[in-house]
Amino acid sequence: MKNRIISGVAVIVFGLLIALGPQFLFKVCPVVDGMYMKCHWTAQAEIGIGGPLIAGLGIALIFFASSKIRLGLTIGVFLSGVLALLVPHALIGGCVNHTMPCRKITFPAITVISILLLITAALNVVYLSRKKIDVRN
């Protein structure tokens, strides 16, 4: 029970930080002359990854008691964390100028949060894998 609450709440917090951080805490570059910069679309993608995907999996981690189901959910959290990390660095990217707010503040923050999420998920996978799981069910 304790692991369900701790890991679920941690995943929810990291998911909400990934989703809402670029919007409110560590904002991406502003709109210039009515044009959205590349980092705006990265922030939009992170809303979808962090909110319904990662935070949703965190909520499910709290409510499901089966270790096998939680193990599968945690693997999903890990893979979603990889996706959250890849969006700003490989998939969409950001501004070319390295002095822009997205490069100086937003992307490093998303990187740190994603890595912390990956570590949390990996530790939970190890914990759940070591529990006695009856493979016949």
N, C-alpha and C. Protein backbone atom coordinates (compact mmCIF):
# COMPACT_ATOMS: atom_id res chain seq x y z
N MET A 1 0.83 -1.20 0.00
CA MET A 1 0.00 0.00 0.00
C MET A 1 0.86 1.25 0.00
N LYS A 2 1.91 1.25 0.83
CA LYS A 2 2.76 2.42 0.94
C LYS A 2 3.47 2.72 -0.38
N ASN A 3 3.96 1.66 -1.04
CA ASN A 3 4.64 1.84 -2.32
C ASN A 3 3.69 2.39 -3.37
N ARG A 4 2.44 1.93 -3.35
CA ARG A 4 1.45 2.42 -4.32
C ARG A 4 1.25 3.92 -4.19
N ILE A 5 1.11 4.38 -2.96
CA ILE A 5 0.86 5.81 -2.73
C ILE A 5 2.08 6.64 -3.09
N ILE A 6 3.25 6.24 -2.60
CA ILE A 6 4.47 7.03 -2.82
C ILE A 6 4.82 7.09 -4.30
N SER A 7 4.85 5.94 -4.95
CA SER A 7 5.22 5.94 -6.37
C SER A 7 4.15 6.63 -7.22
N GLY A 8 2.88 6.42 -6.90
CA GLY A 8 1.81 7.06 -7.66
C GLY A 8 1.83 8.57 -7.54
N VAL A 9 1.99 9.07 -6.32
CA VAL A 9 2.02 10.52 -6.12
C VAL A 9 3.26 11.13 -6.78
N ALA A 10 4.40 10.46 -6.68
CA ALA A 10 5.61 10.97 -7.33
C ALA A 10 5.42 11.07 -8.84
N VAL A 11 4.84 10.04 -9.43
CA VAL A 11 4.62 10.05 -10.88
C VAL A 11 3.63 11.14 -11.26
N ILE A 12 2.59 11.33 -10.47
CA ILE A 12 1.61 12.39 -10.75
C ILE A 12 2.27 13.75 -10.70
N VAL A 13 3.09 13.99 -9.69
CA VAL A 13 3.76 15.29 -9.55
C VAL A 13 4.70 15.53 -10.73
N PHE A 14 5.51 14.52 -11.09
CA PHE A 14 6.41 14.69 -12.23
C PHE A 14 5.63 14.91 -13.53
N GLY A 15 4.52 14.19 -13.70
CA GLY A 15 3.70 14.37 -14.89
C GLY A 15 3.12 15.76 -14.99
N LEU A 16 2.61 16.27 -13.87
CA LEU A 16 2.05 17.62 -13.87
C LEU A 16 3.13 18.68 -14.09
N LEU A 17 4.33 18.45 -13.56
CA LEU A 17 5.43 19.39 -13.80
C LEU A 17 5.83 19.40 -15.28
N ILE A 18 5.83 18.22 -15.90
CA ILE A 18 6.16 18.15 -17.33
C ILE A 18 5.07 18.84 -18.15
N ALA A 19 3.82 18.65 -17.76
CA ALA A 19 2.71 19.22 -18.53
C ALA A 19 2.56 20.72 -18.32
N LEU A 20 2.60 21.15 -17.07
CA LEU A 20 2.28 22.54 -16.75
C LEU A 20 3.50 23.44 -16.57
N GLY A 21 4.65 22.85 -16.36
CA GLY A 21 5.87 23.65 -16.17
C GLY A 21 6.17 24.60 -17.31
N PRO A 22 6.21 24.10 -18.56
CA PRO A 22 6.50 25.01 -19.68
C PRO A 22 5.42 26.08 -19.90
N GLN A 23 4.25 25.88 -19.34
CA GLN A 23 3.17 26.85 -19.49
C GLN A 23 3.21 27.94 -18.43
N PHE A 24 3.59 27.56 -17.19
CA PHE A 24 3.47 28.49 -16.06
C PHE A 24 4.75 28.72 -15.27
N LEU A 25 5.56 27.70 -15.04
CA LEU A 25 6.72 27.83 -14.16
C LEU A 25 7.99 28.25 -14.90
N PHE A 26 8.35 27.50 -15.91
CA PHE A 26 9.55 27.80 -16.70
C PHE A 26 9.12 27.91 -18.16
N LYS A 27 8.61 29.08 -18.48
CA LYS A 27 7.92 29.33 -19.75
C LYS A 27 8.87 29.26 -20.96
N VAL A 28 8.27 28.84 -22.07
CA VAL A 28 8.99 28.85 -23.34
C VAL A 28 8.98 30.28 -23.90
N CYS A 29 9.58 30.45 -25.04
CA CYS A 29 9.70 31.77 -25.66
C CYS A 29 8.32 32.34 -26.00
N PRO A 30 8.19 33.66 -25.92
CA PRO A 30 6.90 34.28 -26.23
C PRO A 30 6.64 34.29 -27.74
N VAL A 31 5.39 34.56 -28.08
CA VAL A 31 4.99 34.68 -29.49
C VAL A 31 5.62 35.96 -30.04
N VAL A 32 6.23 35.86 -31.23
CA VAL A 32 6.89 37.01 -31.85
C VAL A 32 6.17 37.33 -33.15
N ASP A 33 5.63 38.54 -33.24
CA ASP A 33 4.92 39.01 -34.44
C ASP A 33 3.83 38.02 -34.88
N GLY A 34 3.12 37.46 -33.92
CA GLY A 34 2.05 36.53 -34.23
C GLY A 34 2.51 35.15 -34.66
N MET A 35 3.81 34.91 -34.60
CA MET A 35 4.35 33.61 -35.03
C MET A 35 4.77 32.81 -33.81
N TYR A 36 4.40 31.54 -33.79
CA TYR A 36 4.82 30.64 -32.73
C TYR A 36 6.18 30.07 -33.06
N MET A 37 7.04 30.07 -32.06
CA MET A 37 8.35 29.48 -32.25
C MET A 37 8.24 27.97 -32.08
N LYS A 38 9.28 27.27 -32.47
CA LYS A 38 9.31 25.81 -32.40
C LYS A 38 9.10 25.30 -30.98
N CYS A 39 9.62 26.02 -30.01
CA CYS A 39 9.52 25.59 -28.62
C CYS A 39 8.08 25.62 -28.11
N HIS A 40 7.24 26.46 -28.72
CA HIS A 40 5.82 26.48 -28.34
C HIS A 40 5.19 25.12 -28.60
N TRP A 41 5.53 24.51 -29.72
CA TRP A 41 4.95 23.22 -30.08
C TRP A 41 5.53 22.11 -29.20
N THR A 42 6.76 22.27 -28.77
CA THR A 42 7.32 21.32 -27.81
C THR A 42 6.55 21.39 -26.51
N ALA A 43 6.25 22.59 -26.06
CA ALA A 43 5.49 22.75 -24.81
C ALA A 43 4.08 22.17 -24.96
N GLN A 44 3.47 22.32 -26.13
CA GLN A 44 2.15 21.75 -26.36
C GLN A 44 2.20 20.22 -26.32
N ALA A 45 3.23 19.64 -26.89
CA ALA A 45 3.39 18.18 -26.87
C ALA A 45 3.60 17.68 -25.43
N GLU A 46 4.33 18.45 -24.64
CA GLU A 46 4.58 18.05 -23.26
C GLU A 46 3.31 18.08 -22.42
N ILE A 47 2.34 18.92 -22.79
CA ILE A 47 1.05 18.91 -22.09
C ILE A 47 0.40 17.54 -22.26
N GLY A 48 0.40 17.04 -23.48
CA GLY A 48 -0.22 15.74 -23.75
C GLY A 48 0.53 14.58 -23.13
N ILE A 49 1.83 14.69 -23.07
CA ILE A 49 2.63 13.61 -22.50
C ILE A 49 2.54 13.62 -20.98
N GLY A 50 2.70 14.78 -20.38
CA GLY A 50 2.75 14.86 -18.92
C GLY A 50 1.41 14.75 -18.24
N GLY A 51 0.39 15.36 -18.84
CA GLY A 51 -0.92 15.39 -18.19
C GLY A 51 -1.65 14.07 -18.26
N PRO A 52 -2.31 13.81 -19.38
CA PRO A 52 -3.13 12.60 -19.43
C PRO A 52 -2.31 11.31 -19.41
N LEU A 53 -1.12 11.32 -19.98
CA LEU A 53 -0.35 10.09 -20.08
C LEU A 53 0.36 9.76 -18.76
N ILE A 54 1.32 10.59 -18.36
CA ILE A 54 2.11 10.27 -17.18
C ILE A 54 1.30 10.42 -15.90
N ALA A 55 0.60 11.53 -15.73
CA ALA A 55 -0.21 11.72 -14.52
C ALA A 55 -1.33 10.69 -14.46
N GLY A 56 -1.91 10.35 -15.59
CA GLY A 56 -2.94 9.32 -15.63
C GLY A 56 -2.42 7.97 -15.21
N LEU A 57 -1.21 7.63 -15.65
CA LEU A 57 -0.59 6.37 -15.21
C LEU A 57 -0.29 6.42 -13.72
N GLY A 58 0.08 7.59 -13.21
CA GLY A 58 0.32 7.73 -11.77
C GLY A 58 -0.94 7.50 -10.96
N ILE A 59 -2.07 8.00 -11.44
CA ILE A 59 -3.35 7.78 -10.77
C ILE A 59 -3.68 6.28 -10.78
N ALA A 60 -3.43 5.64 -11.92
CA ALA A 60 -3.69 4.20 -12.00
C ALA A 60 -2.79 3.42 -11.06
N LEU A 61 -1.55 3.87 -10.87
CA LEU A 61 -0.64 3.20 -9.93
C LEU A 61 -1.19 3.20 -8.52
N ILE A 62 -1.90 4.24 -8.15
CA ILE A 62 -2.47 4.32 -6.81
C ILE A 62 -3.64 3.36 -6.65
N PHE A 63 -4.45 3.24 -7.68
CA PHE A 63 -5.70 2.50 -7.54
C PHE A 63 -5.59 1.00 -7.78
N PHE A 64 -4.60 0.55 -8.55
CA PHE A 64 -4.48 -0.89 -8.79
C PHE A 64 -3.61 -1.54 -7.74
N ALA A 65 -4.07 -2.66 -7.21
CA ALA A 65 -3.34 -3.35 -6.14
C ALA A 65 -2.43 -4.44 -6.68
N SER A 66 -2.74 -4.99 -7.83
CA SER A 66 -1.96 -6.09 -8.38
C SER A 66 -0.55 -5.63 -8.75
N SER A 67 0.44 -6.40 -8.28
CA SER A 67 1.83 -6.06 -8.58
C SER A 67 2.13 -6.18 -10.07
N LYS A 68 1.51 -7.14 -10.72
CA LYS A 68 1.74 -7.32 -12.16
C LYS A 68 1.20 -6.12 -12.95
N ILE A 69 0.03 -5.66 -12.59
CA ILE A 69 -0.54 -4.50 -13.28
C ILE A 69 0.30 -3.26 -13.00
N ARG A 70 0.70 -3.06 -11.76
CA ARG A 70 1.54 -1.90 -11.42
C ARG A 70 2.89 -1.96 -12.12
N LEU A 71 3.43 -3.18 -12.31
CA LEU A 71 4.68 -3.32 -13.04
C LEU A 71 4.50 -2.87 -14.48
N GLY A 72 3.42 -3.27 -15.11
CA GLY A 72 3.13 -2.83 -16.48
C GLY A 72 2.92 -1.33 -16.57
N LEU A 73 2.19 -0.77 -15.61
CA LEU A 73 1.97 0.67 -15.58
C LEU A 73 3.29 1.42 -15.42
N THR A 74 4.16 0.89 -14.56
CA THR A 74 5.45 1.55 -14.32
C THR A 74 6.33 1.49 -15.55
N ILE A 75 6.28 0.40 -16.28
CA ILE A 75 7.03 0.34 -17.55
C ILE A 75 6.48 1.39 -18.52
N GLY A 76 5.16 1.56 -18.53
CA GLY A 76 4.56 2.63 -19.34
C GLY A 76 5.01 4.01 -18.91
N VAL A 77 5.13 4.22 -17.60
CA VAL A 77 5.64 5.50 -17.08
C VAL A 77 7.07 5.72 -17.55
N PHE A 78 7.90 4.68 -17.49
CA PHE A 78 9.29 4.80 -17.92
C PHE A 78 9.36 5.19 -19.40
N LEU A 79 8.61 4.50 -20.23
CA LEU A 79 8.62 4.80 -21.66
C LEU A 79 8.06 6.20 -21.96
N SER A 80 7.07 6.62 -21.20
CA SER A 80 6.53 7.97 -21.35
C SER A 80 7.56 9.01 -20.93
N GLY A 81 8.35 8.70 -19.91
CA GLY A 81 9.43 9.60 -19.49
C GLY A 81 10.49 9.74 -20.57
N VAL A 82 10.78 8.64 -21.25
CA VAL A 82 11.72 8.70 -22.38
C VAL A 82 11.16 9.61 -23.47
N LEU A 83 9.86 9.46 -23.75
CA LEU A 83 9.22 10.32 -24.75
C LEU A 83 9.28 11.79 -24.34
N ALA A 84 9.00 12.07 -23.07
CA ALA A 84 9.05 13.46 -22.58
C ALA A 84 10.46 14.03 -22.71
N LEU A 85 11.45 13.19 -22.57
CA LEU A 85 12.85 13.63 -22.71
C LEU A 85 13.22 13.84 -24.18
N LEU A 86 12.68 13.01 -25.06
CA LEU A 86 13.03 13.10 -26.48
C LEU A 86 12.37 14.27 -27.20
N VAL A 87 11.20 14.68 -26.76
CA VAL A 87 10.47 15.74 -27.47
C VAL A 87 11.30 17.02 -27.59
N PRO A 88 11.86 17.57 -26.52
CA PRO A 88 12.62 18.81 -26.70
C PRO A 88 14.02 18.60 -27.30
N HIS A 89 14.56 17.40 -27.17
CA HIS A 89 15.95 17.19 -27.59
C HIS A 89 16.10 16.54 -28.96
N ALA A 90 15.10 15.79 -29.42
CA ALA A 90 15.27 15.08 -30.68
C ALA A 90 14.06 15.15 -31.60
N LEU A 91 12.85 15.14 -31.05
CA LEU A 91 11.67 15.03 -31.89
C LEU A 91 11.20 16.38 -32.44
N ILE A 92 10.97 17.36 -31.57
CA ILE A 92 10.49 18.67 -32.03
C ILE A 92 11.60 19.71 -31.90
N GLY A 93 12.18 19.81 -30.72
CA GLY A 93 13.27 20.76 -30.52
C GLY A 93 12.80 22.13 -30.09
N GLY A 94 13.66 23.09 -30.28
CA GLY A 94 13.36 24.45 -29.87
C GLY A 94 14.08 25.46 -30.73
N CYS A 95 14.22 26.63 -30.20
CA CYS A 95 14.85 27.73 -30.94
C CYS A 95 16.31 27.40 -31.24
N VAL A 96 16.79 27.96 -32.34
CA VAL A 96 18.18 27.73 -32.74
C VAL A 96 19.14 28.49 -31.83
N ASN A 97 18.73 29.70 -31.44
CA ASN A 97 19.57 30.54 -30.59
C ASN A 97 19.62 29.97 -29.17
N HIS A 98 20.81 29.70 -28.69
CA HIS A 98 20.98 29.07 -27.37
C HIS A 98 20.79 30.04 -26.20
N THR A 99 20.55 31.30 -26.49
CA THR A 99 20.30 32.26 -25.41
C THR A 99 18.81 32.48 -25.17
N MET A 100 17.97 31.80 -25.91
CA MET A 100 16.51 31.94 -25.75
C MET A 100 16.05 31.25 -24.47
N PRO A 101 14.94 31.71 -23.89
CA PRO A 101 14.45 31.11 -22.63
C PRO A 101 14.21 29.61 -22.70
N CYS A 102 13.76 29.12 -23.85
CA CYS A 102 13.50 27.68 -23.94
C CYS A 102 14.79 26.88 -23.79
N ARG A 103 15.87 27.37 -24.33
CA ARG A 103 17.15 26.66 -24.25
C ARG A 103 17.83 26.83 -22.89
N LYS A 104 17.62 27.98 -22.27
CA LYS A 104 18.29 28.26 -21.00
C LYS A 104 17.52 27.74 -19.79
N ILE A 105 16.19 27.73 -19.85
CA ILE A 105 15.39 27.41 -18.66
C ILE A 105 14.48 26.20 -18.89
N THR A 106 13.65 26.25 -19.93
CA THR A 106 12.61 25.24 -20.11
C THR A 106 13.19 23.85 -20.37
N PHE A 107 14.05 23.72 -21.35
CA PHE A 107 14.56 22.40 -21.71
C PHE A 107 15.41 21.77 -20.61
N PRO A 108 16.28 22.54 -19.93
CA PRO A 108 16.98 21.91 -18.80
C PRO A 108 16.04 21.45 -17.69
N ALA A 109 14.98 22.22 -17.44
CA ALA A 109 14.02 21.82 -16.40
C ALA A 109 13.29 20.55 -16.80
N ILE A 110 12.85 20.47 -18.05
CA ILE A 110 12.17 19.26 -18.52
C ILE A 110 13.13 18.07 -18.47
N THR A 111 14.39 18.30 -18.79
CA THR A 111 15.38 17.23 -18.75
C THR A 111 15.54 16.69 -17.34
N VAL A 112 15.69 17.58 -16.37
CA VAL A 112 15.87 17.15 -14.98
C VAL A 112 14.63 16.41 -14.48
N ILE A 113 13.46 16.94 -14.76
CA ILE A 113 12.21 16.30 -14.30
C ILE A 113 12.05 14.94 -14.97
N SER A 114 12.35 14.85 -16.26
CA SER A 114 12.23 13.57 -16.97
C SER A 114 13.21 12.54 -16.43
N ILE A 115 14.42 12.96 -16.13
CA ILE A 115 15.41 12.02 -15.58
C ILE A 115 14.98 11.56 -14.19
N LEU A 116 14.45 12.46 -13.37
CA LEU A 116 13.95 12.05 -12.05
C LEU A 116 12.78 11.07 -12.20
N LEU A 117 11.93 11.30 -13.19
CA LEU A 117 10.83 10.37 -13.46
C LEU A 117 11.36 9.01 -13.89
N LEU A 118 12.37 9.01 -14.75
CA LEU A 118 12.96 7.75 -15.20
C LEU A 118 13.59 6.98 -14.04
N ILE A 119 14.26 7.69 -13.15
CA ILE A 119 14.86 7.04 -11.98
C ILE A 119 13.78 6.46 -11.08
N THR A 120 12.73 7.24 -10.84
CA THR A 120 11.62 6.77 -10.01
C THR A 120 10.98 5.53 -10.61
N ALA A 121 10.74 5.55 -11.89
CA ALA A 121 10.12 4.40 -12.56
C ALA A 121 11.04 3.18 -12.53
N ALA A 122 12.33 3.40 -12.77
CA ALA A 122 13.27 2.28 -12.75
C ALA A 122 13.35 1.65 -11.36
N LEU A 123 13.38 2.48 -10.32
CA LEU A 123 13.40 1.95 -8.96
C LEU A 123 12.11 1.19 -8.64
N ASN A 124 10.99 1.69 -9.13
CA ASN A 124 9.72 1.00 -8.90
C ASN A 124 9.67 -0.32 -9.66
N VAL A 125 10.23 -0.37 -10.86
CA VAL A 125 10.30 -1.63 -11.61
C VAL A 125 11.13 -2.65 -10.85
N VAL A 126 12.26 -2.22 -10.31
CA VAL A 126 13.10 -3.13 -9.53
C VAL A 126 12.36 -3.61 -8.30
N TYR A 127 11.71 -2.69 -7.59
CA TYR A 127 10.95 -3.06 -6.39
C TYR A 127 9.84 -4.05 -6.71
N LEU A 128 9.07 -3.77 -7.74
CA LEU A 128 7.95 -4.65 -8.09
C LEU A 128 8.43 -5.98 -8.66
N SER A 129 9.57 -5.98 -9.33
CA SER A 129 10.12 -7.23 -9.88
C SER A 129 10.61 -8.15 -8.78
N ARG A 130 11.07 -7.60 -7.69
CA ARG A 130 11.60 -8.41 -6.59
C ARG A 130 10.51 -8.98 -5.69
N LYS A 131 9.32 -8.39 -5.78
CA LYS A 131 8.21 -8.94 -4.99
C LYS A 131 7.85 -10.32 -5.53
N LYS A 132 7.34 -11.16 -4.66
CA LYS A 132 6.90 -12.49 -5.13
C LYS A 132 5.64 -12.31 -5.96
N ILE A 133 5.77 -12.61 -7.23
CA ILE A 133 4.64 -12.51 -8.14
C ILE A 133 4.30 -13.91 -8.63
N ASP A 134 3.07 -14.31 -8.45
CA ASP A 134 2.61 -15.60 -8.91
C ASP A 134 2.33 -15.49 -10.41
N VAL A 135 3.18 -16.11 -11.22
CA VAL A 135 3.07 -15.99 -12.66
C VAL A 135 1.93 -16.82 -13.24
N ARG A 136 1.33 -17.67 -12.46
CA ARG A 136 0.23 -18.49 -12.97
C ARG A 136 -1.04 -17.69 -13.12
N ASN A 137 -1.17 -16.57 -12.43
CA ASN A 137 -2.41 -15.77 -12.50
C ASN A 137 -2.28 -14.67 -13.51
